[in-house]
ModelCIF file with pLDDT and N, C-alpha, C, O atoms, coordinates in Angstrom:
data_MODEL
#
_entry.id   MODEL 
#
_entity.id                         1 
_entity.type                       polymer 
_entity.pdbx_number_of_molecules   1 
#
_entity_poly.entity_id                      1 
_entity_poly.type                           'polypeptide(L)' 
_entity_poly.nstd_linkage                   no 
_entity_poly.nstd_monomer                   no 
_entity_poly.pdbx_seq_one_letter_code       LVKVTKSPGGLWLADVRTSFGHTAVRWCGDGAAEPGEYHV 
_entity_poly.pdbx_seq_one_letter_code_can   LVKVTKSPGGLWLADVRTSFGHTAVRWCGDGAAEPGEYHV 
_entity_poly.pdbx_strand_id                 A 
#
loop_
_entity_poly_seq.entity_id 
_entity_poly_seq.num 
_entity_poly_seq.mon_id 
_entity_poly_seq.hetero 
1 1  LEU n 
1 2  VAL n 
1 3  LYS n 
1 4  VAL n 
1 5  THR n 
1 6  LYS n 
1 7  SER n 
1 8  PRO n 
1 9  GLY n 
1 10 GLY n 
1 11 LEU n 
1 12 TRP n 
1 13 LEU n 
1 14 ALA n 
1 15 ASP n 
1 16 VAL n 
1 17 ARG n 
1 18 THR n 
1 19 SER n 
1 20 PHE n 
1 21 GLY n 
1 22 HIS n 
1 23 THR n 
1 24 ALA n 
1 25 VAL n 
1 26 ARG n 
1 27 TRP n 
1 28 CYS n 
1 29 GLY n 
1 30 ASP n 
1 31 GLY n 
1 32 ALA n 
1 33 ALA n 
1 34 GLU n 
1 35 PRO n 
1 36 GLY n 
1 37 GLU n 
1 38 TYR n 
1 39 HIS n 
1 40 VAL n 
#
_struct_asym.id          A 
_struct_asym.entity_id   1 
#
loop_
_ma_qa_metric.id 
_ma_qa_metric.mode 
_ma_qa_metric.name 
_ma_qa_metric.software_group_id 
_ma_qa_metric.type 
1 global pLDDT . pLDDT 
2 local  pLDDT . pLDDT 
#
_ma_qa_metric_global.metric_id      1 
_ma_qa_metric_global.metric_value   95.75 
_ma_qa_metric_global.model_id       1 
_ma_qa_metric_global.ordinal_id     1 
#
loop_
_ma_qa_metric_local.label_asym_id 
_ma_qa_metric_local.label_comp_id 
_ma_qa_metric_local.label_seq_id 
_ma_qa_metric_local.metric_id 
_ma_qa_metric_local.metric_value 
_ma_qa_metric_local.model_id 
_ma_qa_metric_local.ordinal_id 
A LEU 1  2 98.00 1 1  
A VAL 2  2 98.00 1 2  
A LYS 3  2 97.00 1 3  
A VAL 4  2 97.00 1 4  
A THR 5  2 96.00 1 5  
A LYS 6  2 94.00 1 6  
A SER 7  2 88.00 1 7  
A PRO 8  2 87.00 1 8  
A GLY 9  2 87.00 1 9  
A GLY 10 2 91.00 1 10 
A LEU 11 2 93.00 1 11 
A TRP 12 2 96.00 1 12 
A LEU 13 2 95.00 1 13 
A ALA 14 2 96.00 1 14 
A ASP 15 2 97.00 1 15 
A VAL 16 2 98.00 1 16 
A ARG 17 2 98.00 1 17 
A THR 18 2 97.00 1 18 
A SER 19 2 96.00 1 19 
A PHE 20 2 97.00 1 20 
A GLY 21 2 97.00 1 21 
A HIS 22 2 97.00 1 22 
A THR 23 2 97.00 1 23 
A ALA 24 2 95.00 1 24 
A VAL 25 2 96.00 1 25 
A ARG 26 2 96.00 1 26 
A TRP 27 2 98.00 1 27 
A CYS 28 2 97.00 1 28 
A GLY 29 2 96.00 1 29 
A ASP 30 2 95.00 1 30 
A GLY 31 2 94.00 1 31 
A ALA 32 2 95.00 1 32 
A ALA 33 2 96.00 1 33 
A GLU 34 2 97.00 1 34 
A PRO 35 2 98.00 1 35 
A GLY 36 2 98.00 1 36 
A GLU 37 2 98.00 1 37 
A TYR 38 2 98.00 1 38 
A HIS 39 2 98.00 1 39 
A VAL 40 2 98.00 1 40 
#
loop_
_atom_site.group_PDB 
_atom_site.id 
_atom_site.type_symbol 
_atom_site.label_atom_id 
_atom_site.label_alt_id 
_atom_site.label_comp_id 
_atom_site.label_asym_id 
_atom_site.label_entity_id 
_atom_site.label_seq_id 
_atom_site.pdbx_PDB_ins_code 
_atom_site.Cartn_x 
_atom_site.Cartn_y 
_atom_site.Cartn_z 
_atom_site.occupancy 
_atom_site.B_iso_or_equiv 
_atom_site.pdbx_formal_charge 
_atom_site.auth_seq_id 
_atom_site.auth_comp_id 
_atom_site.auth_asym_id 
_atom_site.auth_atom_id 
_atom_site.pdbx_PDB_model_num 
ATOM 1   N N  . LEU A 1 1  ? -123.297 25.077 -50.392 1.00 98.00 ? 1  LEU A N  1 
ATOM 2   C CA . LEU A 1 1  ? -122.248 25.913 -51.433 1.00 98.00 ? 1  LEU A CA 1 
ATOM 3   C C  . LEU A 1 1  ? -122.840 25.132 -52.779 1.00 98.00 ? 1  LEU A C  1 
ATOM 4   O O  . LEU A 1 1  ? -122.610 23.966 -53.100 1.00 98.00 ? 1  LEU A O  1 
ATOM 5   N N  . VAL A 1 2  ? -123.820 26.288 -53.602 1.00 98.00 ? 2  VAL A N  1 
ATOM 6   C CA . VAL A 1 2  ? -124.058 25.849 -54.863 1.00 98.00 ? 2  VAL A CA 1 
ATOM 7   C C  . VAL A 1 2  ? -123.167 26.521 -56.250 1.00 98.00 ? 2  VAL A C  1 
ATOM 8   O O  . VAL A 1 2  ? -123.219 25.873 -57.296 1.00 98.00 ? 2  VAL A O  1 
ATOM 9   N N  . LYS A 1 3  ? -122.716 27.247 -56.235 1.00 97.00 ? 3  LYS A N  1 
ATOM 10  C CA . LYS A 1 3  ? -121.229 27.351 -57.132 1.00 97.00 ? 3  LYS A CA 1 
ATOM 11  C C  . LYS A 1 3  ? -120.142 28.473 -56.631 1.00 97.00 ? 3  LYS A C  1 
ATOM 12  O O  . LYS A 1 3  ? -120.192 29.261 -55.687 1.00 97.00 ? 3  LYS A O  1 
ATOM 13  N N  . VAL A 1 4  ? -119.419 28.304 -57.351 1.00 97.00 ? 4  VAL A N  1 
ATOM 14  C CA . VAL A 1 4  ? -117.949 28.525 -57.355 1.00 97.00 ? 4  VAL A CA 1 
ATOM 15  C C  . VAL A 1 4  ? -117.275 29.119 -58.399 1.00 97.00 ? 4  VAL A C  1 
ATOM 16  O O  . VAL A 1 4  ? -116.568 28.488 -59.184 1.00 97.00 ? 4  VAL A O  1 
ATOM 17  N N  . THR A 1 5  ? -117.558 30.900 -58.461 1.00 96.00 ? 5  THR A N  1 
ATOM 18  C CA . THR A 1 5  ? -116.706 31.304 -59.731 1.00 96.00 ? 5  THR A CA 1 
ATOM 19  C C  . THR A 1 5  ? -115.906 32.537 -59.177 1.00 96.00 ? 5  THR A C  1 
ATOM 20  O O  . THR A 1 5  ? -115.874 32.841 -57.984 1.00 96.00 ? 5  THR A O  1 
ATOM 21  N N  . LYS A 1 6  ? -115.238 33.238 -60.232 1.00 94.00 ? 6  LYS A N  1 
ATOM 22  C CA . LYS A 1 6  ? -114.177 33.996 -60.275 1.00 94.00 ? 6  LYS A CA 1 
ATOM 23  C C  . LYS A 1 6  ? -114.619 35.233 -60.752 1.00 94.00 ? 6  LYS A C  1 
ATOM 24  O O  . LYS A 1 6  ? -114.851 35.459 -61.939 1.00 94.00 ? 6  LYS A O  1 
ATOM 25  N N  . SER A 1 7  ? -114.765 36.205 -59.647 1.00 88.00 ? 7  SER A N  1 
ATOM 26  C CA . SER A 1 7  ? -115.157 37.299 -60.038 1.00 88.00 ? 7  SER A CA 1 
ATOM 27  C C  . SER A 1 7  ? -113.903 38.422 -60.889 1.00 88.00 ? 7  SER A C  1 
ATOM 28  O O  . SER A 1 7  ? -112.833 37.979 -61.305 1.00 88.00 ? 7  SER A O  1 
ATOM 29  N N  . PRO A 1 8  ? -114.271 39.735 -61.005 1.00 87.00 ? 8  PRO A N  1 
ATOM 30  C CA . PRO A 1 8  ? -113.700 40.222 -62.343 1.00 87.00 ? 8  PRO A CA 1 
ATOM 31  C C  . PRO A 1 8  ? -111.736 40.640 -61.865 1.00 87.00 ? 8  PRO A C  1 
ATOM 32  O O  . PRO A 1 8  ? -110.561 40.710 -62.226 1.00 87.00 ? 8  PRO A O  1 
ATOM 33  N N  . GLY A 1 9  ? -112.992 40.829 -60.541 1.00 87.00 ? 9  GLY A N  1 
ATOM 34  C CA . GLY A 1 9  ? -111.473 41.461 -59.690 1.00 87.00 ? 9  GLY A CA 1 
ATOM 35  C C  . GLY A 1 9  ? -110.583 39.976 -58.831 1.00 87.00 ? 9  GLY A C  1 
ATOM 36  O O  . GLY A 1 9  ? -109.997 39.895 -57.751 1.00 87.00 ? 9  GLY A O  1 
ATOM 37  N N  . GLY A 1 10 ? -110.876 38.903 -60.011 1.00 91.00 ? 10 GLY A N  1 
ATOM 38  C CA . GLY A 1 10 ? -110.052 37.961 -59.508 1.00 91.00 ? 10 GLY A CA 1 
ATOM 39  C C  . GLY A 1 10 ? -109.898 37.514 -58.297 1.00 91.00 ? 10 GLY A C  1 
ATOM 40  O O  . GLY A 1 10 ? -108.810 37.365 -57.739 1.00 91.00 ? 10 GLY A O  1 
ATOM 41  N N  . LEU A 1 11 ? -111.806 37.097 -57.475 1.00 93.00 ? 11 LEU A N  1 
ATOM 42  C CA . LEU A 1 11 ? -111.543 36.599 -56.513 1.00 93.00 ? 11 LEU A CA 1 
ATOM 43  C C  . LEU A 1 11 ? -112.578 35.969 -56.153 1.00 93.00 ? 11 LEU A C  1 
ATOM 44  O O  . LEU A 1 11 ? -113.634 36.599 -56.108 1.00 93.00 ? 11 LEU A O  1 
ATOM 45  N N  . TRP A 1 12 ? -112.561 34.624 -55.815 1.00 96.00 ? 12 TRP A N  1 
ATOM 46  C CA . TRP A 1 12 ? -113.246 33.570 -55.518 1.00 96.00 ? 12 TRP A CA 1 
ATOM 47  C C  . TRP A 1 12 ? -114.736 33.388 -55.315 1.00 96.00 ? 12 TRP A C  1 
ATOM 48  O O  . TRP A 1 12 ? -114.571 32.561 -54.418 1.00 96.00 ? 12 TRP A O  1 
ATOM 49  N N  . LEU A 1 13 ? -115.911 33.465 -55.394 1.00 95.00 ? 13 LEU A N  1 
ATOM 50  C CA . LEU A 1 13 ? -117.191 34.335 -55.024 1.00 95.00 ? 13 LEU A CA 1 
ATOM 51  C C  . LEU A 1 13 ? -117.622 33.255 -54.571 1.00 95.00 ? 13 LEU A C  1 
ATOM 52  O O  . LEU A 1 13 ? -117.182 32.328 -55.251 1.00 95.00 ? 13 LEU A O  1 
ATOM 53  N N  . ALA A 1 14 ? -118.463 32.812 -53.507 1.00 96.00 ? 14 ALA A N  1 
ATOM 54  C CA . ALA A 1 14 ? -119.839 31.766 -53.838 1.00 96.00 ? 14 ALA A CA 1 
ATOM 55  C C  . ALA A 1 14 ? -120.829 31.941 -53.801 1.00 96.00 ? 14 ALA A C  1 
ATOM 56  O O  . ALA A 1 14 ? -121.210 32.919 -53.158 1.00 96.00 ? 14 ALA A O  1 
ATOM 57  N N  . ASP A 1 15 ? -121.866 31.024 -54.520 1.00 97.00 ? 15 ASP A N  1 
ATOM 58  C CA . ASP A 1 15 ? -123.351 31.076 -53.921 1.00 97.00 ? 15 ASP A CA 1 
ATOM 59  C C  . ASP A 1 15 ? -122.920 30.010 -53.003 1.00 97.00 ? 15 ASP A C  1 
ATOM 60  O O  . ASP A 1 15 ? -122.014 29.179 -52.942 1.00 97.00 ? 15 ASP A O  1 
ATOM 61  N N  . VAL A 1 16 ? -124.182 30.464 -52.150 1.00 98.00 ? 16 VAL A N  1 
ATOM 62  C CA . VAL A 1 16 ? -124.914 29.815 -50.787 1.00 98.00 ? 16 VAL A CA 1 
ATOM 63  C C  . VAL A 1 16 ? -125.750 29.972 -50.331 1.00 98.00 ? 16 VAL A C  1 
ATOM 64  O O  . VAL A 1 16 ? -126.330 31.048 -50.478 1.00 98.00 ? 16 VAL A O  1 
ATOM 65  N N  . ARG A 1 17 ? -125.964 29.552 -49.994 1.00 98.00 ? 17 ARG A N  1 
ATOM 66  C CA . ARG A 1 17 ? -127.699 29.147 -49.414 1.00 98.00 ? 17 ARG A CA 1 
ATOM 67  C C  . ARG A 1 17 ? -127.855 28.680 -47.976 1.00 98.00 ? 17 ARG A C  1 
ATOM 68  O O  . ARG A 1 17 ? -127.464 27.551 -47.677 1.00 98.00 ? 17 ARG A O  1 
ATOM 69  N N  . THR A 1 18 ? -128.259 29.271 -47.306 1.00 97.00 ? 18 THR A N  1 
ATOM 70  C CA . THR A 1 18 ? -128.749 29.209 -46.007 1.00 97.00 ? 18 THR A CA 1 
ATOM 71  C C  . THR A 1 18 ? -130.317 28.321 -45.482 1.00 97.00 ? 18 THR A C  1 
ATOM 72  O O  . THR A 1 18 ? -130.971 27.610 -46.246 1.00 97.00 ? 18 THR A O  1 
ATOM 73  N N  . SER A 1 19 ? -130.558 28.507 -44.466 1.00 96.00 ? 19 SER A N  1 
ATOM 74  C CA . SER A 1 19 ? -131.936 28.223 -44.154 1.00 96.00 ? 19 SER A CA 1 
ATOM 75  C C  . SER A 1 19 ? -132.609 29.151 -43.708 1.00 96.00 ? 19 SER A C  1 
ATOM 76  O O  . SER A 1 19 ? -133.674 28.899 -43.143 1.00 96.00 ? 19 SER A O  1 
ATOM 77  N N  . PHE A 1 20 ? -132.145 30.480 -43.854 1.00 97.00 ? 20 PHE A N  1 
ATOM 78  C CA . PHE A 1 20 ? -132.621 31.830 -43.443 1.00 97.00 ? 20 PHE A CA 1 
ATOM 79  C C  . PHE A 1 20 ? -132.364 32.412 -44.938 1.00 97.00 ? 20 PHE A C  1 
ATOM 80  O O  . PHE A 1 20 ? -133.070 33.390 -45.183 1.00 97.00 ? 20 PHE A O  1 
ATOM 81  N N  . GLY A 1 21 ? -131.327 31.930 -46.189 1.00 97.00 ? 21 GLY A N  1 
ATOM 82  C CA . GLY A 1 21 ? -131.164 33.332 -47.120 1.00 97.00 ? 21 GLY A CA 1 
ATOM 83  C C  . GLY A 1 21 ? -130.229 33.214 -47.498 1.00 97.00 ? 21 GLY A C  1 
ATOM 84  O O  . GLY A 1 21 ? -129.335 32.987 -46.682 1.00 97.00 ? 21 GLY A O  1 
ATOM 85  N N  . HIS A 1 22 ? -129.883 33.298 -48.953 1.00 97.00 ? 22 HIS A N  1 
ATOM 86  C CA . HIS A 1 22 ? -128.652 33.059 -49.789 1.00 97.00 ? 22 HIS A CA 1 
ATOM 87  C C  . HIS A 1 22 ? -128.308 34.426 -50.053 1.00 97.00 ? 22 HIS A C  1 
ATOM 88  O O  . HIS A 1 22 ? -128.862 35.479 -49.739 1.00 97.00 ? 22 HIS A O  1 
ATOM 89  N N  . THR A 1 23 ? -127.115 34.133 -50.798 1.00 97.00 ? 23 THR A N  1 
ATOM 90  C CA . THR A 1 23 ? -126.075 35.320 -51.372 1.00 97.00 ? 23 THR A CA 1 
ATOM 91  C C  . THR A 1 23 ? -125.031 35.034 -51.877 1.00 97.00 ? 23 THR A C  1 
ATOM 92  O O  . THR A 1 23 ? -124.940 33.854 -52.215 1.00 97.00 ? 23 THR A O  1 
ATOM 93  N N  . ALA A 1 24 ? -123.844 35.920 -52.141 1.00 95.00 ? 24 ALA A N  1 
ATOM 94  C CA . ALA A 1 24 ? -122.836 35.301 -53.258 1.00 95.00 ? 24 ALA A CA 1 
ATOM 95  C C  . ALA A 1 24 ? -121.740 35.986 -51.947 1.00 95.00 ? 24 ALA A C  1 
ATOM 96  O O  . ALA A 1 24 ? -122.118 37.032 -51.420 1.00 95.00 ? 24 ALA A O  1 
ATOM 97  N N  . VAL A 1 25 ? -120.772 35.525 -51.603 1.00 96.00 ? 25 VAL A N  1 
ATOM 98  C CA . VAL A 1 25 ? -119.438 36.050 -50.752 1.00 96.00 ? 25 VAL A CA 1 
ATOM 99  C C  . VAL A 1 25 ? -118.466 35.793 -50.873 1.00 96.00 ? 25 VAL A C  1 
ATOM 100 O O  . VAL A 1 25 ? -118.674 34.615 -51.162 1.00 96.00 ? 25 VAL A O  1 
ATOM 101 N N  . ARG A 1 26 ? -117.492 35.880 -50.906 1.00 96.00 ? 26 ARG A N  1 
ATOM 102 C CA . ARG A 1 26 ? -115.812 35.659 -51.248 1.00 96.00 ? 26 ARG A CA 1 
ATOM 103 C C  . ARG A 1 26 ? -115.485 34.045 -50.333 1.00 96.00 ? 26 ARG A C  1 
ATOM 104 O O  . ARG A 1 26 ? -115.517 33.682 -49.157 1.00 96.00 ? 26 ARG A O  1 
ATOM 105 N N  . TRP A 1 27 ? -115.208 33.482 -51.530 1.00 98.00 ? 27 TRP A N  1 
ATOM 106 C CA . TRP A 1 27 ? -114.916 32.100 -50.901 1.00 98.00 ? 27 TRP A CA 1 
ATOM 107 C C  . TRP A 1 27 ? -113.235 31.538 -50.450 1.00 98.00 ? 27 TRP A C  1 
ATOM 108 O O  . TRP A 1 27 ? -112.507 31.350 -51.425 1.00 98.00 ? 27 TRP A O  1 
ATOM 109 N N  . CYS A 1 28 ? -112.813 31.359 -49.519 1.00 97.00 ? 28 CYS A N  1 
ATOM 110 C CA . CYS A 1 28 ? -111.677 31.528 -49.374 1.00 97.00 ? 28 CYS A CA 1 
ATOM 111 C C  . CYS A 1 28 ? -110.663 30.224 -49.146 1.00 97.00 ? 28 CYS A C  1 
ATOM 112 O O  . CYS A 1 28 ? -109.526 30.208 -48.673 1.00 97.00 ? 28 CYS A O  1 
ATOM 113 N N  . GLY A 1 29 ? -111.492 29.132 -49.658 1.00 96.00 ? 29 GLY A N  1 
ATOM 114 C CA . GLY A 1 29 ? -111.889 27.945 -50.312 1.00 96.00 ? 29 GLY A CA 1 
ATOM 115 C C  . GLY A 1 29 ? -111.001 26.899 -51.466 1.00 96.00 ? 29 GLY A C  1 
ATOM 116 O O  . GLY A 1 29 ? -109.973 27.452 -51.858 1.00 96.00 ? 29 GLY A O  1 
ATOM 117 N N  . ASP A 1 30 ? -111.164 25.922 -51.881 1.00 95.00 ? 30 ASP A N  1 
ATOM 118 C CA . ASP A 1 30 ? -110.637 25.102 -52.901 1.00 95.00 ? 30 ASP A CA 1 
ATOM 119 C C  . ASP A 1 30 ? -111.568 25.964 -54.260 1.00 95.00 ? 30 ASP A C  1 
ATOM 120 O O  . ASP A 1 30 ? -112.735 25.612 -54.431 1.00 95.00 ? 30 ASP A O  1 
ATOM 121 N N  . GLY A 1 31 ? -111.085 26.863 -54.996 1.00 94.00 ? 31 GLY A N  1 
ATOM 122 C CA . GLY A 1 31 ? -111.498 27.131 -56.506 1.00 94.00 ? 31 GLY A CA 1 
ATOM 123 C C  . GLY A 1 31 ? -112.433 26.053 -56.809 1.00 94.00 ? 31 GLY A C  1 
ATOM 124 O O  . GLY A 1 31 ? -113.590 26.211 -56.420 1.00 94.00 ? 31 GLY A O  1 
ATOM 125 N N  . ALA A 1 32 ? -112.238 25.359 -57.215 1.00 95.00 ? 32 ALA A N  1 
ATOM 126 C CA . ALA A 1 32 ? -112.698 23.817 -57.475 1.00 95.00 ? 32 ALA A CA 1 
ATOM 127 C C  . ALA A 1 32 ? -113.315 22.560 -56.861 1.00 95.00 ? 32 ALA A C  1 
ATOM 128 O O  . ALA A 1 32 ? -113.368 21.364 -57.151 1.00 95.00 ? 32 ALA A O  1 
ATOM 129 N N  . ALA A 1 33 ? -113.839 23.500 -55.708 1.00 96.00 ? 33 ALA A N  1 
ATOM 130 C CA . ALA A 1 33 ? -114.933 22.842 -54.381 1.00 96.00 ? 33 ALA A CA 1 
ATOM 131 C C  . ALA A 1 33 ? -116.128 22.604 -55.579 1.00 96.00 ? 33 ALA A C  1 
ATOM 132 O O  . ALA A 1 33 ? -116.293 23.191 -56.649 1.00 96.00 ? 33 ALA A O  1 
ATOM 133 N N  . GLU A 1 34 ? -116.715 21.746 -55.086 1.00 97.00 ? 34 GLU A N  1 
ATOM 134 C CA . GLU A 1 34 ? -117.658 20.820 -55.966 1.00 97.00 ? 34 GLU A CA 1 
ATOM 135 C C  . GLU A 1 34 ? -119.232 21.555 -55.228 1.00 97.00 ? 34 GLU A C  1 
ATOM 136 O O  . GLU A 1 34 ? -119.134 21.609 -54.002 1.00 97.00 ? 34 GLU A O  1 
ATOM 137 N N  . PRO A 1 35 ? -120.282 21.973 -55.645 1.00 98.00 ? 35 PRO A N  1 
ATOM 138 C CA . PRO A 1 35 ? -121.039 21.801 -55.227 1.00 98.00 ? 35 PRO A CA 1 
ATOM 139 C C  . PRO A 1 35 ? -121.723 20.996 -53.922 1.00 98.00 ? 35 PRO A C  1 
ATOM 140 O O  . PRO A 1 35 ? -121.970 19.807 -54.124 1.00 98.00 ? 35 PRO A O  1 
ATOM 141 N N  . GLY A 1 36 ? -122.095 21.620 -52.418 1.00 98.00 ? 36 GLY A N  1 
ATOM 142 C CA . GLY A 1 36 ? -122.590 21.011 -51.259 1.00 98.00 ? 36 GLY A CA 1 
ATOM 143 C C  . GLY A 1 36 ? -122.761 21.257 -49.730 1.00 98.00 ? 36 GLY A C  1 
ATOM 144 O O  . GLY A 1 36 ? -122.408 22.436 -49.710 1.00 98.00 ? 36 GLY A O  1 
ATOM 145 N N  . GLU A 1 37 ? -122.869 21.148 -49.261 1.00 98.00 ? 37 GLU A N  1 
ATOM 146 C CA . GLU A 1 37 ? -122.667 21.106 -47.291 1.00 98.00 ? 37 GLU A CA 1 
ATOM 147 C C  . GLU A 1 37 ? -121.019 21.144 -47.452 1.00 98.00 ? 37 GLU A C  1 
ATOM 148 O O  . GLU A 1 37 ? -120.146 20.325 -47.739 1.00 98.00 ? 37 GLU A O  1 
ATOM 149 N N  . TYR A 1 38 ? -121.079 22.645 -47.083 1.00 98.00 ? 38 TYR A N  1 
ATOM 150 C CA . TYR A 1 38 ? -119.680 22.934 -46.001 1.00 98.00 ? 38 TYR A CA 1 
ATOM 151 C C  . TYR A 1 38 ? -120.037 23.326 -44.829 1.00 98.00 ? 38 TYR A C  1 
ATOM 152 O O  . TYR A 1 38 ? -121.208 23.596 -44.560 1.00 98.00 ? 38 TYR A O  1 
ATOM 153 N N  . HIS A 1 39 ? -118.928 23.415 -43.869 1.00 98.00 ? 39 HIS A N  1 
ATOM 154 C CA . HIS A 1 39 ? -118.973 24.182 -42.818 1.00 98.00 ? 39 HIS A CA 1 
ATOM 155 C C  . HIS A 1 39 ? -118.059 25.300 -43.052 1.00 98.00 ? 39 HIS A C  1 
ATOM 156 O O  . HIS A 1 39 ? -116.989 25.323 -43.661 1.00 98.00 ? 39 HIS A O  1 
ATOM 157 N N  . VAL A 1 40 ? -118.656 26.153 -42.488 1.00 98.00 ? 40 VAL A N  1 
ATOM 158 C CA . VAL A 1 40 ? -117.659 27.088 -42.721 1.00 98.00 ? 40 VAL A CA 1 
ATOM 159 C C  . VAL A 1 40 ? -117.136 28.762 -41.870 1.00 98.00 ? 40 VAL A C  1 
ATOM 160 O O  . VAL A 1 40 ? -116.178 29.402 -42.304 1.00 98.00 ? 40 VAL A O  1 
#
């Protein structure tokens, strides 16, 4: 998890990286989650 931000629609979006790419998707965890590794 690189960072969590709030979308204009009010959803939490997570900027995530994996060994095969990265993107931003909806985050259904704590909006105050710290950067680091997470099992999802």
